[in-house]
Amino acid sequence: FMNLQELEVGVNVLLDTGDLAEVVAINDEAQTVLVCYLDAVAQPELVGAEVWLNPEEVIAIDMGTHSEGRT
């Protein structure tokens, strides 16, 4: 899983569900990350939704052509 220190607001990330999201905010105190879903494979209705997640649910930073992190 990704450490919060590796994440930045504005980066796109891959979630353990296979979904793509953008980091909107990071709460260091609560150790959570707020993401906005960009692509949700199983639940298309999530696209555009903002959800607080645990960093364990973020598996990689999406670099467009490749991903950094656990695959």
PDB file of N, CA and C in Angstrom:
ATOM      1  N   PHE A   1       0.846  -1.197   0.000  1.00  0.00           N
ATOM      2  CA  PHE A   1       0.000   0.000   0.000  1.00  0.00           C
ATOM      3  C   PHE A   1       0.874   1.237   0.000  1.00  0.00           C
ATOM      4  N   MET A   2       0.281   2.364  -0.310  1.00  0.00           N
ATOM      5  CA  MET A   2       1.018   3.624  -0.397  1.00  0.00           C
ATOM      6  C   MET A   2       1.058   4.298   0.978  1.00  0.00           C
ATOM      7  N   ASN A   3       2.188   4.947   1.267  1.00  0.00           N
ATOM      8  CA  ASN A   3       2.279   5.785   2.456  1.00  0.00           C
ATOM      9  C   ASN A   3       1.678   7.145   2.117  1.00  0.00           C
ATOM     10  N   LEU A   4       1.081   7.791   3.108  1.00  0.00           N
ATOM     11  CA  LEU A   4       0.518   9.123   2.868  1.00  0.00           C
ATOM     12  C   LEU A   4       1.587  10.089   2.383  1.00  0.00           C
ATOM     13  N   GLN A   5       2.842   9.905   2.832  1.00  0.00           N
ATOM     14  CA  GLN A   5       3.935  10.787   2.437  1.00  0.00           C
ATOM     15  C   GLN A   5       4.227  10.688   0.937  1.00  0.00           C
ATOM     16  N   GLU A   6       3.842   9.577   0.310  1.00  0.00           N
ATOM     17  CA  GLU A   6       4.076   9.393  -1.122  1.00  0.00           C
ATOM     18  C   GLU A   6       2.988  10.041  -1.967  1.00  0.00           C
ATOM     19  N   LEU A   7       1.881  10.411  -1.338  1.00  0.00           N
ATOM     20  CA  LEU A   7       0.739  10.964  -2.067  1.00  0.00           C
ATOM     21  C   LEU A   7       0.737  12.485  -2.009  1.00  0.00           C
ATOM     22  N   GLU A   8       0.239  13.101  -3.074  1.00  0.00           N
ATOM     23  CA  GLU A   8       0.104  14.553  -3.131  1.00  0.00           C
ATOM     24  C   GLU A   8      -1.274  14.894  -3.683  1.00  0.00           C
ATOM     25  N   VAL A   9      -1.802  16.034  -3.261  1.00  0.00           N
ATOM     26  CA  VAL A   9      -3.070  16.515  -3.806  1.00  0.00           C
ATOM     27  C   VAL A   9      -2.886  16.748  -5.305  1.00  0.00           C
ATOM     28  N   GLY A  10      -3.848  16.271  -6.083  1.00  0.00           N
ATOM     29  CA  GLY A  10      -3.810  16.470  -7.525  1.00  0.00           C
ATOM     30  C   GLY A  10      -3.308  15.289  -8.328  1.00  0.00           C
ATOM     31  N   VAL A  11      -2.678  14.305  -7.662  1.00  0.00           N
ATOM     32  CA  VAL A  11      -2.193  13.142  -8.408  1.00  0.00           C
ATOM     33  C   VAL A  11      -3.309  12.122  -8.585  1.00  0.00           C
ATOM     34  N   ASN A  12      -3.229  11.384  -9.673  1.00  0.00           N
ATOM     35  CA  ASN A  12      -4.173  10.302  -9.928  1.00  0.00           C
ATOM     36  C   ASN A  12      -3.620   9.018  -9.334  1.00  0.00           C
ATOM     37  N   VAL A  13      -4.504   8.236  -8.732  1.00  0.00           N
ATOM     38  CA  VAL A  13      -4.085   6.995  -8.079  1.00  0.00           C
ATOM     39  C   VAL A  13      -4.980   5.839  -8.506  1.00  0.00           C
ATOM     40  N   LEU A  14      -4.417   4.641  -8.434  1.00  0.00           N
ATOM     41  CA  LEU A  14      -5.179   3.422  -8.663  1.00  0.00           C
ATOM     42  C   LEU A  14      -5.571   2.858  -7.311  1.00  0.00           C
ATOM     43  N   LEU A  15      -6.819   2.433  -7.185  1.00  0.00           N
ATOM     44  CA  LEU A  15      -7.322   1.879  -5.933  1.00  0.00           C
ATOM     45  C   LEU A  15      -7.333   0.360  -6.000  1.00  0.00           C
ATOM     46  N   ASP A  16      -7.407  -0.279  -4.841  1.00  0.00           N
ATOM     47  CA  ASP A  16      -7.400  -1.748  -4.793  1.00  0.00           C
ATOM     48  C   ASP A  16      -8.623  -2.360  -5.473  1.00  0.00           C
ATOM     49  N   THR A  17      -9.614  -1.537  -5.792  1.00  0.00           N
ATOM     50  CA  THR A  17     -10.807  -2.006  -6.503  1.00  0.00           C
ATOM     51  C   THR A  17     -10.614  -1.970  -8.019  1.00  0.00           C
ATOM     52  N   GLY A  18      -9.466  -1.407  -8.463  1.00  0.00           N
ATOM     53  CA  GLY A  18      -9.220  -1.248  -9.889  1.00  0.00           C
ATOM     54  C   GLY A  18      -9.692   0.093 -10.417  1.00  0.00           C
ATOM     55  N   ASP A  19     -10.235   0.918  -9.534  1.00  0.00           N
ATOM     56  CA  ASP A  19     -10.757   2.218  -9.932  1.00  0.00           C
ATOM     57  C   ASP A  19      -9.647   3.261  -9.987  1.00  0.00           C
ATOM     58  N   LEU A  20      -9.876   4.318 -10.757  1.00  0.00           N
ATOM     59  CA  LEU A  20      -8.956   5.438 -10.878  1.00  0.00           C
ATOM     60  C   LEU A  20      -9.558   6.629 -10.145  1.00  0.00           C
ATOM     61  N   ALA A  21      -8.735   7.321  -9.357  1.00  0.00           N
ATOM     62  CA  ALA A  21      -9.228   8.465  -8.591  1.00  0.00           C
ATOM     63  C   ALA A  21      -8.150   9.538  -8.509  1.00  0.00           C
ATOM     64  N   GLU A  22      -8.579  10.764  -8.194  1.00  0.00           N
ATOM     65  CA  GLU A  22      -7.655  11.876  -7.981  1.00  0.00           C
ATOM     66  C   GLU A  22      -7.631  12.210  -6.496  1.00  0.00           C
ATOM     67  N   VAL A  23      -6.432  12.424  -5.958  1.00  0.00           N
ATOM     68  CA  VAL A  23      -6.300  12.817  -4.557  1.00  0.00           C
ATOM     69  C   VAL A  23      -6.755  14.267  -4.419  1.00  0.00           C
ATOM     70  N   VAL A  24      -7.742  14.492  -3.536  1.00  0.00           N
ATOM     71  CA  VAL A  24      -8.309  15.825  -3.319  1.00  0.00           C
ATOM     72  C   VAL A  24      -7.750  16.448  -2.040  1.00  0.00           C
ATOM     73  N   ALA A  25      -7.548  15.630  -1.012  1.00  0.00           N
ATOM     74  CA  ALA A  25      -7.034  16.116   0.269  1.00  0.00           C
ATOM     75  C   ALA A  25      -6.398  14.957   1.022  1.00  0.00           C
ATOM     76  N   ILE A  26      -5.508  15.315   1.938  1.00  0.00           N
ATOM     77  CA  ILE A  26      -4.850  14.314   2.781  1.00  0.00           C
ATOM     78  C   ILE A  26      -4.998  14.756   4.228  1.00  0.00           C
ATOM     79  N   ASN A  27      -5.446  13.848   5.085  1.00  0.00           N
ATOM     80  CA  ASN A  27      -5.583  14.133   6.509  1.00  0.00           C
ATOM     81  C   ASN A  27      -4.516  13.328   7.249  1.00  0.00           C
ATOM     82  N   ASP A  28      -3.376  13.971   7.518  1.00  0.00           N
ATOM     83  CA  ASP A  28      -2.267  13.285   8.189  1.00  0.00           C
ATOM     84  C   ASP A  28      -2.663  12.785   9.572  1.00  0.00           C
ATOM     85  N   GLU A  29      -3.450  13.592  10.290  1.00  0.00           N
ATOM     86  CA  GLU A  29      -3.831  13.235  11.657  1.00  0.00           C
ATOM     87  C   GLU A  29      -4.677  11.963  11.696  1.00  0.00           C
ATOM     88  N   ALA A  30      -5.636  11.865  10.782  1.00  0.00           N
ATOM     89  CA  ALA A  30      -6.522  10.696  10.744  1.00  0.00           C
ATOM     90  C   ALA A  30      -5.954   9.571   9.883  1.00  0.00           C
ATOM     91  N   GLN A  31      -4.841   9.876   9.185  1.00  0.00           N
ATOM     92  CA  GLN A  31      -4.232   8.894   8.276  1.00  0.00           C
ATOM     93  C   GLN A  31      -5.224   8.422   7.217  1.00  0.00           C
ATOM     94  N   THR A  32      -5.908   9.389   6.585  1.00  0.00           N
ATOM     95  CA  THR A  32      -6.849   9.081   5.512  1.00  0.00           C
ATOM     96  C   THR A  32      -6.591  10.006   4.329  1.00  0.00           C
ATOM     97  N   VAL A  33      -7.121   9.621   3.184  1.00  0.00           N
ATOM     98  CA  VAL A  33      -6.958  10.406   1.962  1.00  0.00           C
ATOM     99  C   VAL A  33      -8.331  10.572   1.303  1.00  0.00           C
ATOM    100  N   LEU A  34      -8.634  11.809   0.882  1.00  0.00           N
ATOM    101  CA  LEU A  34      -9.891  12.093   0.192  1.00  0.00           C
ATOM    102  C   LEU A  34      -9.636  12.001  -1.304  1.00  0.00           C
ATOM    103  N   VAL A  35     -10.402  11.140  -1.972  1.00  0.00           N
ATOM    104  CA  VAL A  35     -10.243  10.985  -3.414  1.00  0.00           C
ATOM    105  C   VAL A  35     -11.552  11.302  -4.126  1.00  0.00           C
ATOM    106  N   CYS A  36     -11.423  11.713  -5.373  1.00  0.00           N
ATOM    107  CA  CYS A  36     -12.569  11.900  -6.260  1.00  0.00           C
ATOM    108  C   CYS A  36     -12.449  10.836  -7.345  1.00  0.00           C
ATOM    109  N   TYR A  37     -13.464   9.998  -7.458  1.00  0.00           N
ATOM    110  CA  TYR A  37     -13.434   8.914  -8.444  1.00  0.00           C
ATOM    111  C   TYR A  37     -13.460   9.474  -9.866  1.00  0.00           C
ATOM    112  N   LEU A  38     -12.508   9.045 -10.698  1.00  0.00           N
ATOM    113  CA  LEU A  38     -12.460   9.420 -12.107  1.00  0.00           C
ATOM    114  C   LEU A  38     -13.015   8.306 -12.981  1.00  0.00           C
ATOM    115  N   ASP A  39     -12.813   7.068 -12.546  1.00  0.00           N
ATOM    116  CA  ASP A  39     -13.299   5.896 -13.275  1.00  0.00           C
ATOM    117  C   ASP A  39     -13.588   4.805 -12.254  1.00  0.00           C
ATOM    118  N   ALA A  40     -14.794   4.291 -12.258  1.00  0.00           N
ATOM    119  CA  ALA A  40     -15.179   3.240 -11.318  1.00  0.00           C
ATOM    120  C   ALA A  40     -15.749   2.072 -12.117  1.00  0.00           C
ATOM    121  N   VAL A  41     -14.976   1.001 -12.210  1.00  0.00           N
ATOM    122  CA  VAL A  41     -15.326  -0.135 -13.057  1.00  0.00           C
ATOM    123  C   VAL A  41     -16.629  -0.796 -12.614  1.00  0.00           C
ATOM    124  N   ALA A  42     -16.705  -1.182 -11.356  1.00  0.00           N
ATOM    125  CA  ALA A  42     -17.865  -1.934 -10.871  1.00  0.00           C
ATOM    126  C   ALA A  42     -19.056  -1.040 -10.515  1.00  0.00           C
ATOM    127  N   GLN A  43     -18.768   0.220 -10.153  1.00  0.00           N
ATOM    128  CA  GLN A  43     -19.838   1.127  -9.714  1.00  0.00           C
ATOM    129  C   GLN A  43     -19.704   2.475 -10.429  1.00  0.00           C
ATOM    130  N   PRO A  44     -20.147   2.567 -11.689  1.00  0.00           N
ATOM    131  CA  PRO A  44     -20.009   3.818 -12.455  1.00  0.00           C
ATOM    132  C   PRO A  44     -20.632   5.029 -11.763  1.00  0.00           C
ATOM    133  N   GLU A  45     -21.601   4.783 -10.888  1.00  0.00           N
ATOM    134  CA  GLU A  45     -22.248   5.906 -10.188  1.00  0.00           C
ATOM    135  C   GLU A  45     -21.290   6.611  -9.228  1.00  0.00           C
ATOM    136  N   LEU A  46     -20.148   6.001  -8.921  1.00  0.00           N
ATOM    137  CA  LEU A  46     -19.165   6.627  -8.037  1.00  0.00           C
ATOM    138  C   LEU A  46     -18.363   7.726  -8.732  1.00  0.00           C
ATOM    139  N   VAL A  47     -18.345   7.744 -10.058  1.00  0.00           N
ATOM    140  CA  VAL A  47     -17.558   8.744 -10.786  1.00  0.00           C
ATOM    141  C   VAL A  47     -18.011  10.141 -10.372  1.00  0.00           C
ATOM    142  N   GLY A  48     -17.057  10.955  -9.938  1.00  0.00           N
ATOM    143  CA  GLY A  48     -17.351  12.302  -9.460  1.00  0.00           C
ATOM    144  C   GLY A  48     -17.557  12.386  -7.960  1.00  0.00           C
ATOM    145  N   ALA A  49     -17.743  11.233  -7.313  1.00  0.00           N
ATOM    146  CA  ALA A  49     -17.958  11.219  -5.861  1.00  0.00           C
ATOM    147  C   ALA A  49     -16.629  11.389  -5.128  1.00  0.00           C
ATOM    148  N   GLU A  50     -16.668  12.097  -3.996  1.00  0.00           N
ATOM    149  CA  GLU A  50     -15.490  12.246  -3.141  1.00  0.00           C
ATOM    150  C   GLU A  50     -15.673  11.380  -1.908  1.00  0.00           C
ATOM    151  N   VAL A  51     -14.652  10.569  -1.619  1.00  0.00           N
ATOM    152  CA  VAL A  51     -14.737   9.590  -0.541  1.00  0.00           C
ATOM    153  C   VAL A  51     -13.420   9.572   0.230  1.00  0.00           C
ATOM    154  N   TRP A  52     -13.512   9.502   1.570  1.00  0.00           N
ATOM    155  CA  TRP A  52     -12.317   9.334   2.399  1.00  0.00           C
ATOM    156  C   TRP A  52     -11.950   7.853   2.438  1.00  0.00           C
ATOM    157  N   LEU A  53     -10.690   7.543   2.157  1.00  0.00           N
ATOM    158  CA  LEU A  53     -10.205   6.165   2.142  1.00  0.00           C
ATOM    159  C   LEU A  53      -8.987   6.016   3.041  1.00  0.00           C
ATOM    160  N   ASN A  54      -8.713   4.791   3.438  1.00  0.00           N
ATOM    161  CA  ASN A  54      -7.468   4.473   4.123  1.00  0.00           C
ATOM    162  C   ASN A  54      -6.374   4.348   3.070  1.00  0.00           C
ATOM    163  N   PRO A  55      -5.128   4.696   3.405  1.00  0.00           N
ATOM    164  CA  PRO A  55      -4.046   4.586   2.423  1.00  0.00           C
ATOM    165  C   PRO A  55      -3.861   3.162   1.900  1.00  0.00           C
ATOM    166  N   GLU A  56      -4.281   2.159   2.680  1.00  0.00           N
ATOM    167  CA  GLU A  56      -4.157   0.769   2.241  1.00  0.00           C
ATOM    168  C   GLU A  56      -4.985   0.498   0.987  1.00  0.00           C
ATOM    169  N   GLU A  57      -5.995   1.334   0.747  1.00  0.00           N
ATOM    170  CA  GLU A  57      -6.860   1.148  -0.421  1.00  0.00           C
ATOM    171  C   GLU A  57      -6.261   1.754  -1.692  1.00  0.00           C
ATOM    172  N   VAL A  58      -5.187   2.538  -1.533  1.00  0.00           N
ATOM    173  CA  VAL A  58      -4.488   3.134  -2.674  1.00  0.00           C
ATOM    174  C   VAL A  58      -3.285   2.252  -2.981  1.00  0.00           C
ATOM    175  N   ILE A  59      -3.262   1.666  -4.194  1.00  0.00           N
ATOM    176  CA  ILE A  59      -2.180   0.724  -4.488  1.00  0.00           C
ATOM    177  C   ILE A  59      -1.075   1.303  -5.354  1.00  0.00           C
ATOM    178  N   ALA A  60      -1.342   2.382  -6.086  1.00  0.00           N
ATOM    179  CA  ALA A  60      -0.313   2.930  -6.967  1.00  0.00           C
ATOM    180  C   ALA A  60      -0.665   4.352  -7.382  1.00  0.00           C
ATOM    181  N   ILE A  61       0.381   5.102  -7.747  1.00  0.00           N
ATOM    182  CA  ILE A  61       0.201   6.418  -8.346  1.00  0.00           C
ATOM    183  C   ILE A  61       0.152   6.211  -9.852  1.00  0.00           C
ATOM    184  N   ASP A  62      -0.880   6.731 -10.495  1.00  0.00           N
ATOM    185  CA  ASP A  62      -1.038   6.569 -11.941  1.00  0.00           C
ATOM    186  C   ASP A  62      -0.237   7.647 -12.655  1.00  0.00           C
ATOM    187  N   MET A  63       0.738   7.222 -13.456  1.00  0.00           N
ATOM    188  CA  MET A  63       1.594   8.158 -14.183  1.00  0.00           C
ATOM    189  C   MET A  63       1.150   8.326 -15.640  1.00  0.00           C
ATOM    190  N   GLY A  64      -0.013   7.811 -15.975  1.00  0.00           N
ATOM    191  CA  GLY A  64      -0.497   7.901 -17.349  1.00  0.00           C
ATOM    192  C   GLY A  64      -0.024   6.724 -18.185  1.00  0.00           C
ATOM    193  N   THR A  65       1.288   6.631 -18.383  1.00  0.00           N
ATOM    194  CA  THR A  65       1.824   5.537 -19.194  1.00  0.00           C
ATOM    195  C   THR A  65       2.245   4.352 -18.347  1.00  0.00           C
ATOM    196  N   HIS A  66       2.496   4.594 -17.056  1.00  0.00           N
ATOM    197  CA  HIS A  66       2.849   3.494 -16.154  1.00  0.00           C
ATOM    198  C   HIS A  66       2.448   3.870 -14.733  1.00  0.00           C
ATOM    199  N   SER A  67       2.539   2.916 -13.820  1.00  0.00           N
ATOM    200  CA  SER A  67       2.149   3.156 -12.433  1.00  0.00           C
ATOM    201  C   SER A  67       3.327   2.923 -11.509  1.00  0.00           C
ATOM    202  N   GLU A  68       3.410   3.727 -10.459  1.00  0.00           N
ATOM    203  CA  GLU A  68       4.436   3.555  -9.434  1.00  0.00           C
ATOM    204  C   GLU A  68       3.767   2.981  -8.201  1.00  0.00           C
ATOM    205  N   GLY A  69       4.346   1.930  -7.642  1.00  0.00           N
ATOM    206  CA  GLY A  69       3.786   1.345  -6.429  1.00  0.00           C
ATOM    207  C   GLY A  69       3.570  -0.132  -6.595  1.00  0.00           C
ATOM    208  N   ARG A  70       2.748  -0.699  -5.750  1.00  0.00           N
ATOM    209  CA  ARG A  70       2.475  -2.128  -5.741  1.00  0.00           C
ATOM    210  C   ARG A  70       1.563  -2.490  -6.905  1.00  0.00           C
ATOM    211  N   THR A  71       1.894  -3.552  -7.609  1.00  0.00           N
ATOM    212  CA  THR A  71       1.037  -3.991  -8.718  1.00  0.00           C
ATOM    213  C   THR A  71       0.653  -5.432  -8.539  1.00  0.00           C
TER     214      THR A  71
END
